[in-house]
ModelCIF file with pLDDT and N, C-alpha, C, O atoms, coordinates in Angstrom:
data_MODEL
#
_entry.id   MODEL 
#
_entity.id                         1 
_entity.type                       polymer 
_entity.pdbx_number_of_molecules   1 
#
_entity_poly.entity_id                      1 
_entity_poly.type                           'polypeptide(L)' 
_entity_poly.nstd_linkage                   no 
_entity_poly.nstd_monomer                   no 
_entity_poly.pdbx_seq_one_letter_code       EKMAFENKCKVLRLDTIILNQKSQAMYKK 
_entity_poly.pdbx_seq_one_letter_code_can   EKMAFENKCKVLRLDTIILNQKSQAMYKK 
_entity_poly.pdbx_strand_id                 A 
#
loop_
_entity_poly_seq.entity_id 
_entity_poly_seq.num 
_entity_poly_seq.mon_id 
_entity_poly_seq.hetero 
1 1  GLU n 
1 2  LYS n 
1 3  MET n 
1 4  ALA n 
1 5  PHE n 
1 6  GLU n 
1 7  ASN n 
1 8  LYS n 
1 9  CYS n 
1 10 LYS n 
1 11 VAL n 
1 12 LEU n 
1 13 ARG n 
1 14 LEU n 
1 15 ASP n 
1 16 THR n 
1 17 ILE n 
1 18 ILE n 
1 19 LEU n 
1 20 ASN n 
1 21 GLN n 
1 22 LYS n 
1 23 SER n 
1 24 GLN n 
1 25 ALA n 
1 26 MET n 
1 27 TYR n 
1 28 LYS n 
1 29 LYS n 
#
_struct_asym.id          A 
_struct_asym.entity_id   1 
#
loop_
_ma_qa_metric.id 
_ma_qa_metric.mode 
_ma_qa_metric.name 
_ma_qa_metric.software_group_id 
_ma_qa_metric.type 
1 global pLDDT . pLDDT 
2 local  pLDDT . pLDDT 
#
_ma_qa_metric_global.metric_id      1 
_ma_qa_metric_global.metric_value   91.55 
_ma_qa_metric_global.model_id       1 
_ma_qa_metric_global.ordinal_id     1 
#
loop_
_ma_qa_metric_local.label_asym_id 
_ma_qa_metric_local.label_comp_id 
_ma_qa_metric_local.label_seq_id 
_ma_qa_metric_local.metric_id 
_ma_qa_metric_local.metric_value 
_ma_qa_metric_local.model_id 
_ma_qa_metric_local.ordinal_id 
A GLU 1  2 96.00 1 1  
A LYS 2  2 96.00 1 2  
A MET 3  2 96.00 1 3  
A ALA 4  2 96.00 1 4  
A PHE 5  2 94.00 1 5  
A GLU 6  2 94.00 1 6  
A ASN 7  2 93.00 1 7  
A LYS 8  2 94.00 1 8  
A CYS 9  2 95.00 1 9  
A LYS 10 2 96.00 1 10 
A VAL 11 2 97.00 1 11 
A LEU 12 2 97.00 1 12 
A ARG 13 2 96.00 1 13 
A LEU 14 2 95.00 1 14 
A ASP 15 2 92.00 1 15 
A THR 16 2 89.00 1 16 
A ILE 17 2 84.00 1 17 
A ILE 18 2 85.00 1 18 
A LEU 19 2 82.00 1 19 
A ASN 20 2 82.00 1 20 
A GLN 21 2 82.00 1 21 
A LYS 22 2 84.00 1 22 
A SER 23 2 87.00 1 23 
A GLN 24 2 89.00 1 24 
A ALA 25 2 90.00 1 25 
A MET 26 2 91.00 1 26 
A TYR 27 2 94.00 1 27 
A LYS 28 2 94.00 1 28 
A LYS 29 2 95.00 1 29 
#
loop_
_atom_site.group_PDB 
_atom_site.id 
_atom_site.type_symbol 
_atom_site.label_atom_id 
_atom_site.label_alt_id 
_atom_site.label_comp_id 
_atom_site.label_asym_id 
_atom_site.label_entity_id 
_atom_site.label_seq_id 
_atom_site.pdbx_PDB_ins_code 
_atom_site.Cartn_x 
_atom_site.Cartn_y 
_atom_site.Cartn_z 
_atom_site.occupancy 
_atom_site.B_iso_or_equiv 
_atom_site.pdbx_formal_charge 
_atom_site.auth_seq_id 
_atom_site.auth_comp_id 
_atom_site.auth_asym_id 
_atom_site.auth_atom_id 
_atom_site.pdbx_PDB_model_num 
ATOM 1   N N  . GLU A 1 1  ? -0.360  1.255  11.433 1.00 96.00 ? 1  GLU A N  1 
ATOM 2   C CA . GLU A 1 1  ? -1.385  0.942  10.929 1.00 96.00 ? 1  GLU A CA 1 
ATOM 3   C C  . GLU A 1 1  ? -2.356  0.460  11.587 1.00 96.00 ? 1  GLU A C  1 
ATOM 4   O O  . GLU A 1 1  ? -3.394  0.935  11.126 1.00 96.00 ? 1  GLU A O  1 
ATOM 5   N N  . LYS A 1 2  ? -2.508  -0.060 12.212 1.00 96.00 ? 2  LYS A N  1 
ATOM 6   C CA . LYS A 1 2  ? -3.428  -0.104 13.688 1.00 96.00 ? 2  LYS A CA 1 
ATOM 7   C C  . LYS A 1 2  ? -4.382  1.484  13.943 1.00 96.00 ? 2  LYS A C  1 
ATOM 8   O O  . LYS A 1 2  ? -5.601  1.522  13.775 1.00 96.00 ? 2  LYS A O  1 
ATOM 9   N N  . MET A 1 3  ? -3.571  2.678  14.355 1.00 96.00 ? 3  MET A N  1 
ATOM 10  C CA . MET A 1 3  ? -3.449  3.684  13.951 1.00 96.00 ? 3  MET A CA 1 
ATOM 11  C C  . MET A 1 3  ? -4.951  3.979  13.431 1.00 96.00 ? 3  MET A C  1 
ATOM 12  O O  . MET A 1 3  ? -5.989  4.353  13.976 1.00 96.00 ? 3  MET A O  1 
ATOM 13  N N  . ALA A 1 4  ? -4.583  3.641  12.152 1.00 96.00 ? 4  ALA A N  1 
ATOM 14  C CA . ALA A 1 4  ? -5.396  3.622  10.708 1.00 96.00 ? 4  ALA A CA 1 
ATOM 15  C C  . ALA A 1 4  ? -6.577  2.992  10.943 1.00 96.00 ? 4  ALA A C  1 
ATOM 16  O O  . ALA A 1 4  ? -7.503  3.679  10.511 1.00 96.00 ? 4  ALA A O  1 
ATOM 17  N N  . PHE A 1 5  ? -6.900  2.091  11.388 1.00 94.00 ? 5  PHE A N  1 
ATOM 18  C CA . PHE A 1 5  ? -7.497  1.350  11.224 1.00 94.00 ? 5  PHE A CA 1 
ATOM 19  C C  . PHE A 1 5  ? -8.627  1.755  12.416 1.00 94.00 ? 5  PHE A C  1 
ATOM 20  O O  . PHE A 1 5  ? -9.818  1.472  12.285 1.00 94.00 ? 5  PHE A O  1 
ATOM 21  N N  . GLU A 1 6  ? -8.334  2.131  13.049 1.00 94.00 ? 6  GLU A N  1 
ATOM 22  C CA . GLU A 1 6  ? -9.087  2.259  15.510 1.00 94.00 ? 6  GLU A CA 1 
ATOM 23  C C  . GLU A 1 6  ? -9.685  3.772  14.513 1.00 94.00 ? 6  GLU A C  1 
ATOM 24  O O  . GLU A 1 6  ? -10.900 3.892  14.670 1.00 94.00 ? 6  GLU A O  1 
ATOM 25  N N  . ASN A 1 7  ? -9.003  5.037  13.438 1.00 93.00 ? 7  ASN A N  1 
ATOM 26  C CA . ASN A 1 7  ? -9.725  5.990  12.852 1.00 93.00 ? 7  ASN A CA 1 
ATOM 27  C C  . ASN A 1 7  ? -10.283 6.087  12.226 1.00 93.00 ? 7  ASN A C  1 
ATOM 28  O O  . ASN A 1 7  ? -10.962 7.099  12.053 1.00 93.00 ? 7  ASN A O  1 
ATOM 29  N N  . LYS A 1 8  ? -10.313 4.428  11.101 1.00 94.00 ? 8  LYS A N  1 
ATOM 30  C CA . LYS A 1 8  ? -11.596 4.407  10.004 1.00 94.00 ? 8  LYS A CA 1 
ATOM 31  C C  . LYS A 1 8  ? -10.744 4.930  9.203  1.00 94.00 ? 8  LYS A C  1 
ATOM 32  O O  . LYS A 1 8  ? -11.433 4.948  8.182  1.00 94.00 ? 8  LYS A O  1 
ATOM 33  N N  . CYS A 1 9  ? -9.223  5.608  8.745  1.00 95.00 ? 9  CYS A N  1 
ATOM 34  C CA . CYS A 1 9  ? -9.027  5.354  7.506  1.00 95.00 ? 9  CYS A CA 1 
ATOM 35  C C  . CYS A 1 9  ? -9.319  4.524  6.437  1.00 95.00 ? 9  CYS A C  1 
ATOM 36  O O  . CYS A 1 9  ? -9.929  3.465  6.580  1.00 95.00 ? 9  CYS A O  1 
ATOM 37  N N  . LYS A 1 10 ? -8.885  4.977  5.287  1.00 96.00 ? 10 LYS A N  1 
ATOM 38  C CA . LYS A 1 10 ? -8.517  4.198  3.048  1.00 96.00 ? 10 LYS A CA 1 
ATOM 39  C C  . LYS A 1 10 ? -7.620  4.087  3.792  1.00 96.00 ? 10 LYS A C  1 
ATOM 40  O O  . LYS A 1 10 ? -7.598  3.045  4.447  1.00 96.00 ? 10 LYS A O  1 
ATOM 41  N N  . VAL A 1 11 ? -6.502  5.109  4.010  1.00 97.00 ? 11 VAL A N  1 
ATOM 42  C CA . VAL A 1 11 ? -4.759  4.869  2.958  1.00 97.00 ? 11 VAL A CA 1 
ATOM 43  C C  . VAL A 1 11 ? -4.138  5.063  4.017  1.00 97.00 ? 11 VAL A C  1 
ATOM 44  O O  . VAL A 1 11 ? -4.559  5.844  4.870  1.00 97.00 ? 11 VAL A O  1 
ATOM 45  N N  . LEU A 1 12 ? -3.153  4.460  4.128  1.00 97.00 ? 12 LEU A N  1 
ATOM 46  C CA . LEU A 1 12 ? -1.996  5.062  4.225  1.00 97.00 ? 12 LEU A CA 1 
ATOM 47  C C  . LEU A 1 12 ? -0.759  5.379  3.346  1.00 97.00 ? 12 LEU A C  1 
ATOM 48  O O  . LEU A 1 12 ? -0.282  4.630  2.494  1.00 97.00 ? 12 LEU A O  1 
ATOM 49  N N  . ARG A 1 13 ? -0.213  6.904  3.775  1.00 96.00 ? 13 ARG A N  1 
ATOM 50  C CA . ARG A 1 13 ? 0.345   7.396  2.850  1.00 96.00 ? 13 ARG A CA 1 
ATOM 51  C C  . ARG A 1 13 ? 2.100   7.671  3.267  1.00 96.00 ? 13 ARG A C  1 
ATOM 52  O O  . ARG A 1 13 ? 2.271   7.613  4.485  1.00 96.00 ? 13 ARG A O  1 
ATOM 53  N N  . LEU A 1 14 ? 3.152   7.902  2.610  1.00 95.00 ? 14 LEU A N  1 
ATOM 54  C CA . LEU A 1 14 ? 4.601   8.622  3.161  1.00 95.00 ? 14 LEU A CA 1 
ATOM 55  C C  . LEU A 1 14 ? 4.879   8.703  1.460  1.00 95.00 ? 14 LEU A C  1 
ATOM 56  O O  . LEU A 1 14 ? 4.461   8.262  0.390  1.00 95.00 ? 14 LEU A O  1 
ATOM 57  N N  . ASP A 1 15 ? 6.226   9.889  2.244  1.00 92.00 ? 15 ASP A N  1 
ATOM 58  C CA . ASP A 1 15 ? 6.754   9.522  1.360  1.00 92.00 ? 15 ASP A CA 1 
ATOM 59  C C  . ASP A 1 15 ? 8.393   9.441  1.608  1.00 92.00 ? 15 ASP A C  1 
ATOM 60  O O  . ASP A 1 15 ? 8.681   9.425  2.805  1.00 92.00 ? 15 ASP A O  1 
ATOM 61  N N  . THR A 1 16 ? 9.496   9.388  0.716  1.00 89.00 ? 16 THR A N  1 
ATOM 62  C CA . THR A 1 16 ? 10.700  9.241  1.192  1.00 89.00 ? 16 THR A CA 1 
ATOM 63  C C  . THR A 1 16 ? 11.625  9.675  -0.239 1.00 89.00 ? 16 THR A C  1 
ATOM 64  O O  . THR A 1 16 ? 10.978  10.197 -1.147 1.00 89.00 ? 16 THR A O  1 
ATOM 65  N N  . ILE A 1 17 ? 13.244  9.450  -0.462 1.00 84.00 ? 17 ILE A N  1 
ATOM 66  C CA . ILE A 1 17 ? 13.815  10.219 -1.293 1.00 84.00 ? 17 ILE A CA 1 
ATOM 67  C C  . ILE A 1 17 ? 13.827  8.576  -2.216 1.00 84.00 ? 17 ILE A C  1 
ATOM 68  O O  . ILE A 1 17 ? 13.517  7.448  -1.832 1.00 84.00 ? 17 ILE A O  1 
ATOM 69  N N  . ILE A 1 18 ? 14.236  8.990  -3.303 1.00 85.00 ? 18 ILE A N  1 
ATOM 70  C CA . ILE A 1 18 ? 14.699  7.643  -4.162 1.00 85.00 ? 18 ILE A CA 1 
ATOM 71  C C  . ILE A 1 18 ? 15.662  7.398  -3.722 1.00 85.00 ? 18 ILE A C  1 
ATOM 72  O O  . ILE A 1 18 ? 15.475  6.191  -3.565 1.00 85.00 ? 18 ILE A O  1 
ATOM 73  N N  . LEU A 1 19 ? 16.703  7.587  -3.333 1.00 82.00 ? 19 LEU A N  1 
ATOM 74  C CA . LEU A 1 19 ? 18.117  7.634  -3.364 1.00 82.00 ? 19 LEU A CA 1 
ATOM 75  C C  . LEU A 1 19 ? 17.963  6.274  -1.592 1.00 82.00 ? 19 LEU A C  1 
ATOM 76  O O  . LEU A 1 19 ? 18.852  5.691  -0.972 1.00 82.00 ? 19 LEU A O  1 
ATOM 77  N N  . ASN A 1 20 ? 16.290  6.298  -1.378 1.00 82.00 ? 20 ASN A N  1 
ATOM 78  C CA . ASN A 1 20 ? 16.040  5.313  -0.129 1.00 82.00 ? 20 ASN A CA 1 
ATOM 79  C C  . ASN A 1 20 ? 16.289  4.537  0.102  1.00 82.00 ? 20 ASN A C  1 
ATOM 80  O O  . ASN A 1 20 ? 16.266  4.370  1.322  1.00 82.00 ? 20 ASN A O  1 
ATOM 81  N N  . GLN A 1 21 ? 16.686  3.512  -0.612 1.00 82.00 ? 21 GLN A N  1 
ATOM 82  C CA . GLN A 1 21 ? 16.664  2.254  -0.953 1.00 82.00 ? 21 GLN A CA 1 
ATOM 83  C C  . GLN A 1 21 ? 16.044  1.497  0.309  1.00 82.00 ? 21 GLN A C  1 
ATOM 84  O O  . GLN A 1 21 ? 15.083  0.730  0.253  1.00 82.00 ? 21 GLN A O  1 
ATOM 85  N N  . LYS A 1 22 ? 16.657  1.795  1.297  1.00 84.00 ? 22 LYS A N  1 
ATOM 86  C CA . LYS A 1 22 ? 16.429  0.624  2.639  1.00 84.00 ? 22 LYS A CA 1 
ATOM 87  C C  . LYS A 1 22 ? 15.244  0.748  3.296  1.00 84.00 ? 22 LYS A C  1 
ATOM 88  O O  . LYS A 1 22 ? 14.681  -0.182 3.874  1.00 84.00 ? 22 LYS A O  1 
ATOM 89  N N  . SER A 1 23 ? 14.830  1.917  3.223  1.00 87.00 ? 23 SER A N  1 
ATOM 90  C CA . SER A 1 23 ? 13.350  2.160  3.656  1.00 87.00 ? 23 SER A CA 1 
ATOM 91  C C  . SER A 1 23 ? 11.842  1.490  2.731  1.00 87.00 ? 23 SER A C  1 
ATOM 92  O O  . SER A 1 23 ? 10.741  1.110  3.131  1.00 87.00 ? 23 SER A O  1 
ATOM 93  N N  . GLN A 1 24 ? 12.574  1.608  1.118  1.00 89.00 ? 24 GLN A N  1 
ATOM 94  C CA . GLN A 1 24 ? 11.366  1.573  0.390  1.00 89.00 ? 24 GLN A CA 1 
ATOM 95  C C  . GLN A 1 24 ? 11.643  -0.051 0.348  1.00 89.00 ? 24 GLN A C  1 
ATOM 96  O O  . GLN A 1 24 ? 10.611  -0.621 -0.008 1.00 89.00 ? 24 GLN A O  1 
ATOM 97  N N  . ALA A 1 25 ? 12.564  -0.835 0.566  1.00 90.00 ? 25 ALA A N  1 
ATOM 98  C CA . ALA A 1 25 ? 12.650  -2.274 0.050  1.00 90.00 ? 25 ALA A CA 1 
ATOM 99  C C  . ALA A 1 25 ? 11.394  -2.981 1.812  1.00 90.00 ? 25 ALA A C  1 
ATOM 100 O O  . ALA A 1 25 ? 10.623  -3.923 1.629  1.00 90.00 ? 25 ALA A O  1 
ATOM 101 N N  . MET A 1 26 ? 11.477  -2.439 2.930  1.00 91.00 ? 26 MET A N  1 
ATOM 102 C CA . MET A 1 26 ? 10.595  -2.158 4.078  1.00 91.00 ? 26 MET A CA 1 
ATOM 103 C C  . MET A 1 26 ? 9.385   -2.076 3.960  1.00 91.00 ? 26 MET A C  1 
ATOM 104 O O  . MET A 1 26 ? 8.442   -2.771 4.339  1.00 91.00 ? 26 MET A O  1 
ATOM 105 N N  . TYR A 1 27 ? 9.523   -0.820 3.189  1.00 94.00 ? 27 TYR A N  1 
ATOM 106 C CA . TYR A 1 27 ? 7.803   0.237  2.922  1.00 94.00 ? 27 TYR A CA 1 
ATOM 107 C C  . TYR A 1 27 ? 7.161   -1.467 1.523  1.00 94.00 ? 27 TYR A C  1 
ATOM 108 O O  . TYR A 1 27 ? 6.037   -1.945 1.669  1.00 94.00 ? 27 TYR A O  1 
ATOM 109 N N  . LYS A 1 28 ? 7.590   -1.709 1.028  1.00 94.00 ? 28 LYS A N  1 
ATOM 110 C CA . LYS A 1 28 ? 7.210   -2.932 -0.376 1.00 94.00 ? 28 LYS A CA 1 
ATOM 111 C C  . LYS A 1 28 ? 6.975   -4.187 0.585  1.00 94.00 ? 28 LYS A C  1 
ATOM 112 O O  . LYS A 1 28 ? 5.840   -4.641 0.444  1.00 94.00 ? 28 LYS A O  1 
ATOM 113 N N  . LYS A 1 29 ? 7.737   -4.849 1.502  1.00 95.00 ? 29 LYS A N  1 
ATOM 114 C CA . LYS A 1 29 ? 7.550   -5.772 2.035  1.00 95.00 ? 29 LYS A CA 1 
ATOM 115 C C  . LYS A 1 29 ? 6.336   -5.939 3.183  1.00 95.00 ? 29 LYS A C  1 
ATOM 116 O O  . LYS A 1 29 ? 6.172   -7.016 3.756  1.00 95.00 ? 29 LYS A O  1 
#
């Protein structure tokens, strides 16, 4: 996220498969 701010980006994006509940919980948090 800090890299995004430094590069004046407006948004972070990623993808994961629907089964990856553990990562989804962290991303939501």
